[in-house]
Amino acid sequence: MKKFFDYADRYIQESDWKVLAALKLCLLSLGICLGLSVAGEKKKPVFAVAAAVFVTTYIPLMFKYVKLFCNNMDER
């Protein structure tokens, strides 16, 4: 399993923003396809879990990006 994560780290390091954007779009499309296959009465709990995961991952990612951006602006 450790080798799998090592390969994943190397893949990310060797990728530019365009590759990462394509990866994110791919995962978004997969999520939409899976979301459309959920039965009607179960859509609300699935949406709640997805929204919670989105918020808990988006905030730290954006915090890191804004921090990097602000630090870069201070250096100019």
Protein backbone atom coordinates (compact mmCIF):
# COMPACT_ATOMS: atom_id res chain seq x y z
CA MET A 1 0.00 0.00 0.00
CA LYS A 2 2.90 2.33 0.77
CA LYS A 3 4.19 1.92 -2.80
CA PHE A 4 0.78 2.92 -4.12
CA PHE A 5 0.92 6.18 -2.16
CA ASP A 6 4.51 6.77 -3.27
CA TYR A 7 3.45 6.42 -6.90
CA ALA A 8 0.52 8.75 -6.30
CA ASP A 9 2.83 11.36 -4.73
CA ARG A 10 5.19 11.10 -7.68
CA TYR A 11 2.31 11.42 -10.13
CA ILE A 12 1.13 14.62 -8.43
CA GLN A 13 4.66 16.09 -8.35
CA GLU A 14 5.13 15.44 -12.06
CA SER A 15 1.75 16.92 -13.00
CA ASP A 16 0.89 20.51 -13.78
CA TRP A 17 -2.34 22.32 -12.96
CA LYS A 18 -3.98 21.21 -16.23
CA VAL A 19 -3.56 17.53 -15.39
CA LEU A 20 -4.88 18.08 -11.87
CA ALA A 21 -7.86 20.02 -13.26
CA ALA A 22 -8.64 17.14 -15.63
CA LEU A 23 -8.37 14.69 -12.73
CA LYS A 24 -10.79 16.78 -10.69
CA LEU A 25 -13.25 17.00 -13.59
CA CYS A 26 -13.01 13.24 -14.01
CA LEU A 27 -13.81 12.67 -10.34
CA LEU A 28 -16.61 15.25 -10.48
CA SER A 29 -18.16 13.40 -13.42
CA LEU A 30 -17.89 10.10 -11.58
CA GLY A 31 -19.57 11.66 -8.55
CA ILE A 32 -22.40 13.02 -10.67
CA CYS A 33 -22.93 9.63 -12.33
CA LEU A 34 -23.01 7.90 -8.96
CA GLY A 35 -25.31 10.58 -7.54
CA LEU A 36 -27.78 10.14 -10.36
CA SER A 37 -27.96 6.42 -9.66
CA VAL A 38 -29.07 6.88 -6.04
CA ALA A 39 -32.71 6.07 -5.36
CA GLY A 40 -35.03 9.05 -4.79
CA GLU A 41 -35.71 8.51 -1.09
CA LYS A 42 -31.98 8.18 -0.33
CA LYS A 43 -30.84 11.31 -2.16
CA LYS A 44 -31.12 13.65 0.84
CA PRO A 45 -28.76 11.68 3.13
CA VAL A 46 -26.31 11.16 0.26
CA PHE A 47 -26.42 14.88 -0.50
CA ALA A 48 -25.86 15.73 3.18
CA VAL A 49 -22.77 13.51 3.37
CA ALA A 50 -21.41 14.87 0.08
CA ALA A 51 -21.97 18.46 1.21
CA ALA A 52 -20.24 17.79 4.53
CA VAL A 53 -17.24 16.23 2.78
CA PHE A 54 -17.10 19.14 0.34
CA VAL A 55 -17.11 21.76 3.10
CA THR A 56 -14.56 19.94 5.26
CA THR A 57 -12.16 19.57 2.33
CA TYR A 58 -12.79 22.87 0.52
CA ILE A 59 -12.12 25.16 3.48
CA PRO A 60 -8.61 23.81 4.26
CA LEU A 61 -7.70 23.71 0.58
CA MET A 62 -8.77 27.30 0.03
CA PHE A 63 -7.12 28.41 3.27
CA LYS A 64 -3.83 26.95 2.05
CA TYR A 65 -4.25 28.61 -1.37
CA VAL A 66 -5.12 32.03 0.09
CA LYS A 67 -2.21 31.79 2.53
CA LEU A 68 0.16 30.97 -0.34
CA PHE A 69 -1.29 33.82 -2.42
CA CYS A 70 -0.97 36.34 0.43
CA ASN A 71 2.60 35.27 1.20
CA ASN A 72 3.47 35.66 -2.47
CA MET A 73 1.91 39.14 -2.56
CA ASP A 74 3.95 40.17 0.52
CA GLU A 75 7.17 39.19 -1.25
CA ARG A 76 6.53 41.60 -4.14
